[in-house]
Amino acid sequence: MAYITGLTKSKKEWTPQFITAIDKEVCIGCGRCYKVCAMDVLAYEEVDEDDSAKAYMTIGKEGNCIGCQACGRTCPKKCFSFAPLEA
């Protein structure tokens, strides 16, 4: 299986890992991932359940993802899933 790869500034091969899912059962809606994403990929969603507001992040603009995984690295709950693009 071949994946789309690129090069770092020092000419090392790099395979971007694109966001595929956010586990909303694990996400606490802290917004750290939202703040660190420079590409406006994520969206914030509130759910009103039994008089307590629960918030979590969703994938808003999946096509904007550049595969940097900054959102996953900053997530305290590790609720992100990533995968490379197949060539």
N, C-alpha and C. Protein backbone atom coordinates (compact mmCIF):
# COMPACT_ATOMS: atom_id res chain seq x y z
N MET A 1 0.84 -1.17 0.00
CA MET A 1 0.00 0.00 0.00
C MET A 1 0.90 1.24 0.00
N ALA A 2 0.68 2.15 -0.92
CA ALA A 2 1.49 3.36 -1.02
C ALA A 2 0.73 4.55 -0.44
N TYR A 3 1.46 5.41 0.26
CA TYR A 3 0.87 6.59 0.86
C TYR A 3 1.48 7.84 0.26
N ILE A 4 0.72 8.91 0.28
CA ILE A 4 1.22 10.20 -0.18
C ILE A 4 2.19 10.72 0.87
N THR A 5 3.39 11.07 0.45
CA THR A 5 4.42 11.55 1.36
C THR A 5 4.94 12.90 0.91
N GLY A 6 5.69 13.53 1.77
CA GLY A 6 6.33 14.80 1.47
C GLY A 6 7.71 14.79 2.07
N LEU A 7 8.36 15.96 2.04
CA LEU A 7 9.68 16.09 2.62
C LEU A 7 9.69 17.20 3.67
N THR A 8 10.49 16.99 4.71
CA THR A 8 10.70 18.05 5.68
C THR A 8 11.75 19.01 5.12
N LYS A 9 12.00 20.10 5.82
CA LYS A 9 13.00 21.07 5.37
C LYS A 9 14.39 20.43 5.26
N SER A 10 14.66 19.45 6.13
CA SER A 10 15.97 18.78 6.09
C SER A 10 15.97 17.58 5.13
N LYS A 11 14.97 17.51 4.26
CA LYS A 11 14.87 16.50 3.19
C LYS A 11 14.55 15.09 3.69
N LYS A 12 14.00 15.00 4.90
CA LYS A 12 13.56 13.69 5.39
C LYS A 12 12.14 13.43 4.90
N GLU A 13 11.87 12.19 4.51
CA GLU A 13 10.53 11.85 4.06
C GLU A 13 9.56 11.89 5.22
N TRP A 14 8.35 12.39 4.96
CA TRP A 14 7.33 12.56 5.99
C TRP A 14 5.98 12.17 5.42
N THR A 15 5.21 11.38 6.18
CA THR A 15 3.88 10.98 5.76
C THR A 15 2.85 11.70 6.63
N PRO A 16 2.09 12.65 6.06
CA PRO A 16 1.07 13.34 6.83
C PRO A 16 0.00 12.36 7.33
N GLN A 17 -0.49 12.60 8.52
CA GLN A 17 -1.54 11.79 9.12
C GLN A 17 -2.77 12.67 9.27
N PHE A 18 -3.79 12.44 8.48
CA PHE A 18 -4.98 13.28 8.43
C PHE A 18 -6.03 12.82 9.44
N ILE A 19 -6.76 13.78 10.00
CA ILE A 19 -7.80 13.47 10.99
C ILE A 19 -8.91 12.64 10.34
N THR A 20 -9.29 11.56 11.00
CA THR A 20 -10.37 10.72 10.50
C THR A 20 -11.57 10.69 11.45
N ALA A 21 -11.32 10.89 12.75
CA ALA A 21 -12.43 10.83 13.71
C ALA A 21 -12.04 11.47 15.04
N ILE A 22 -13.06 11.90 15.77
CA ILE A 22 -12.91 12.38 17.15
C ILE A 22 -13.90 11.58 17.98
N ASP A 23 -13.44 10.93 19.02
CA ASP A 23 -14.31 10.14 19.89
C ASP A 23 -15.06 11.08 20.82
N LYS A 24 -16.33 11.36 20.50
CA LYS A 24 -17.10 12.33 21.28
C LYS A 24 -17.46 11.82 22.67
N GLU A 25 -17.32 10.53 22.90
CA GLU A 25 -17.56 9.98 24.24
C GLU A 25 -16.38 10.29 25.17
N VAL A 26 -15.21 10.50 24.59
CA VAL A 26 -14.00 10.77 25.36
C VAL A 26 -13.71 12.28 25.43
N CYS A 27 -14.05 13.00 24.37
CA CYS A 27 -13.78 14.44 24.27
C CYS A 27 -14.49 15.21 25.38
N ILE A 28 -13.75 16.13 26.01
CA ILE A 28 -14.32 16.95 27.09
C ILE A 28 -14.64 18.37 26.63
N GLY A 29 -14.40 18.67 25.37
CA GLY A 29 -14.74 19.98 24.83
C GLY A 29 -13.89 21.12 25.35
N CYS A 30 -12.66 20.85 25.72
CA CYS A 30 -11.79 21.87 26.30
C CYS A 30 -11.37 22.94 25.29
N GLY A 31 -11.36 22.60 23.99
CA GLY A 31 -11.04 23.55 22.95
C GLY A 31 -9.56 23.73 22.65
N ARG A 32 -8.70 22.97 23.28
CA ARG A 32 -7.26 23.11 23.01
C ARG A 32 -6.94 22.80 21.55
N CYS A 33 -7.56 21.76 21.03
CA CYS A 33 -7.33 21.38 19.63
C CYS A 33 -7.83 22.47 18.69
N TYR A 34 -8.95 23.05 19.01
CA TYR A 34 -9.54 24.11 18.20
C TYR A 34 -8.60 25.31 18.12
N LYS A 35 -8.00 25.66 19.25
CA LYS A 35 -7.10 26.82 19.32
C LYS A 35 -5.80 26.58 18.56
N VAL A 36 -5.31 25.35 18.54
CA VAL A 36 -4.02 25.06 17.91
C VAL A 36 -4.14 24.82 16.39
N CYS A 37 -5.32 24.52 15.91
CA CYS A 37 -5.50 24.23 14.48
C CYS A 37 -5.49 25.51 13.65
N ALA A 38 -4.47 25.65 12.82
CA ALA A 38 -4.33 26.84 11.98
C ALA A 38 -5.17 26.77 10.71
N MET A 39 -5.77 25.62 10.44
CA MET A 39 -6.47 25.41 9.18
C MET A 39 -8.00 25.41 9.32
N ASP A 40 -8.53 25.73 10.49
CA ASP A 40 -9.98 25.83 10.72
C ASP A 40 -10.70 24.52 10.38
N VAL A 41 -10.13 23.42 10.84
CA VAL A 41 -10.70 22.09 10.56
C VAL A 41 -11.81 21.74 11.55
N LEU A 42 -11.66 22.16 12.79
CA LEU A 42 -12.54 21.70 13.86
C LEU A 42 -13.71 22.64 14.13
N ALA A 43 -14.77 22.07 14.70
CA ALA A 43 -15.96 22.83 15.09
C ALA A 43 -16.36 22.40 16.50
N TYR A 44 -17.01 23.29 17.20
CA TYR A 44 -17.42 23.07 18.59
C TYR A 44 -18.91 22.77 18.59
N GLU A 45 -19.32 21.74 19.31
CA GLU A 45 -20.74 21.38 19.37
C GLU A 45 -21.18 21.19 20.82
N GLU A 46 -22.29 21.80 21.15
CA GLU A 46 -22.86 21.64 22.50
C GLU A 46 -24.08 20.75 22.42
N VAL A 47 -24.24 19.92 23.43
CA VAL A 47 -25.39 19.04 23.53
C VAL A 47 -26.00 19.28 24.89
N ASP A 48 -27.28 19.59 24.93
CA ASP A 48 -27.97 19.83 26.19
C ASP A 48 -28.67 18.54 26.62
N GLU A 49 -28.09 17.86 27.60
CA GLU A 49 -28.64 16.60 28.09
C GLU A 49 -28.98 16.70 29.56
N ASP A 50 -30.20 16.45 29.91
CA ASP A 50 -30.63 16.36 31.31
C ASP A 50 -30.11 17.53 32.16
N ASP A 51 -30.36 18.74 31.72
CA ASP A 51 -29.99 19.96 32.44
C ASP A 51 -28.49 20.15 32.65
N SER A 52 -27.66 19.43 31.93
CA SER A 52 -26.21 19.66 32.00
C SER A 52 -25.68 19.76 30.58
N ALA A 53 -24.99 20.83 30.32
CA ALA A 53 -24.46 21.04 28.97
C ALA A 53 -23.18 20.24 28.79
N LYS A 54 -23.12 19.47 27.73
CA LYS A 54 -21.91 18.73 27.36
C LYS A 54 -21.45 19.30 26.04
N ALA A 55 -20.17 19.50 25.94
CA ALA A 55 -19.60 20.03 24.70
C ALA A 55 -18.51 19.09 24.21
N TYR A 56 -18.36 19.05 22.91
CA TYR A 56 -17.28 18.26 22.32
C TYR A 56 -16.92 18.84 20.96
N MET A 57 -15.78 18.45 20.47
CA MET A 57 -15.31 18.93 19.17
C MET A 57 -15.77 17.97 18.07
N THR A 58 -15.99 18.53 16.90
CA THR A 58 -16.33 17.74 15.72
C THR A 58 -15.41 18.16 14.58
N ILE A 59 -15.40 17.36 13.52
CA ILE A 59 -14.65 17.71 12.33
C ILE A 59 -15.56 18.58 11.48
N GLY A 60 -15.23 19.86 11.37
CA GLY A 60 -16.07 20.80 10.63
C GLY A 60 -15.71 20.87 9.16
N LYS A 61 -14.42 21.03 8.86
CA LYS A 61 -13.96 21.18 7.48
C LYS A 61 -12.81 20.20 7.24
N GLU A 62 -13.16 18.94 7.08
CA GLU A 62 -12.18 17.87 6.94
C GLU A 62 -11.19 18.12 5.79
N GLY A 63 -11.67 18.72 4.71
CA GLY A 63 -10.82 18.98 3.55
C GLY A 63 -9.72 20.00 3.80
N ASN A 64 -9.81 20.76 4.89
CA ASN A 64 -8.77 21.74 5.23
C ASN A 64 -7.58 21.12 5.94
N CYS A 65 -7.71 19.89 6.43
CA CYS A 65 -6.66 19.24 7.21
C CYS A 65 -5.40 19.05 6.37
N ILE A 66 -4.24 19.43 6.96
CA ILE A 66 -2.96 19.27 6.26
C ILE A 66 -2.14 18.10 6.83
N GLY A 67 -2.69 17.38 7.79
CA GLY A 67 -2.04 16.20 8.32
C GLY A 67 -0.95 16.44 9.33
N CYS A 68 -0.95 17.59 9.99
CA CYS A 68 0.13 17.92 10.94
C CYS A 68 -0.06 17.27 12.31
N GLN A 69 -1.24 16.86 12.65
CA GLN A 69 -1.59 16.21 13.93
C GLN A 69 -1.42 17.12 15.15
N ALA A 70 -1.38 18.43 14.97
CA ALA A 70 -1.26 19.34 16.11
C ALA A 70 -2.44 19.17 17.06
N CYS A 71 -3.62 18.96 16.52
CA CYS A 71 -4.82 18.79 17.34
C CYS A 71 -4.68 17.57 18.26
N GLY A 72 -4.21 16.48 17.73
CA GLY A 72 -4.05 15.25 18.52
C GLY A 72 -2.95 15.35 19.56
N ARG A 73 -1.89 16.08 19.24
CA ARG A 73 -0.79 16.23 20.20
C ARG A 73 -1.18 17.09 21.38
N THR A 74 -2.09 18.03 21.18
CA THR A 74 -2.50 18.92 22.27
C THR A 74 -3.68 18.38 23.07
N CYS A 75 -4.32 17.33 22.59
CA CYS A 75 -5.52 16.79 23.25
C CYS A 75 -5.16 16.03 24.53
N PRO A 76 -5.70 16.46 25.69
CA PRO A 76 -5.38 15.77 26.94
C PRO A 76 -6.04 14.40 27.06
N LYS A 77 -7.07 14.14 26.28
CA LYS A 77 -7.81 12.86 26.34
C LYS A 77 -7.46 11.90 25.21
N LYS A 78 -6.64 12.35 24.27
CA LYS A 78 -6.19 11.51 23.14
C LYS A 78 -7.38 10.88 22.39
N CYS A 79 -8.35 11.73 22.04
CA CYS A 79 -9.58 11.21 21.41
C CYS A 79 -9.57 11.31 19.88
N PHE A 80 -8.44 11.68 19.28
CA PHE A 80 -8.35 11.82 17.84
C PHE A 80 -7.83 10.54 17.18
N SER A 81 -8.32 10.28 15.96
CA SER A 81 -7.81 9.19 15.13
C SER A 81 -7.28 9.81 13.84
N PHE A 82 -6.17 9.26 13.35
CA PHE A 82 -5.53 9.77 12.14
C PHE A 82 -5.17 8.63 11.20
N ALA A 83 -5.03 8.96 9.92
CA ALA A 83 -4.58 7.99 8.93
C ALA A 83 -3.93 8.74 7.77
N PRO A 84 -2.97 8.10 7.10
CA PRO A 84 -2.36 8.72 5.92
C PRO A 84 -3.30 8.59 4.71
N LEU A 85 -3.08 9.42 3.71
CA LEU A 85 -3.83 9.29 2.46
C LEU A 85 -3.16 8.23 1.59
N GLU A 86 -3.96 7.42 0.97
CA GLU A 86 -3.41 6.42 0.06
C GLU A 86 -3.20 7.05 -1.30
N ALA A 87 -2.10 6.68 -1.93
CA ALA A 87 -1.77 7.23 -3.26
C ALA A 87 -2.58 6.56 -4.33
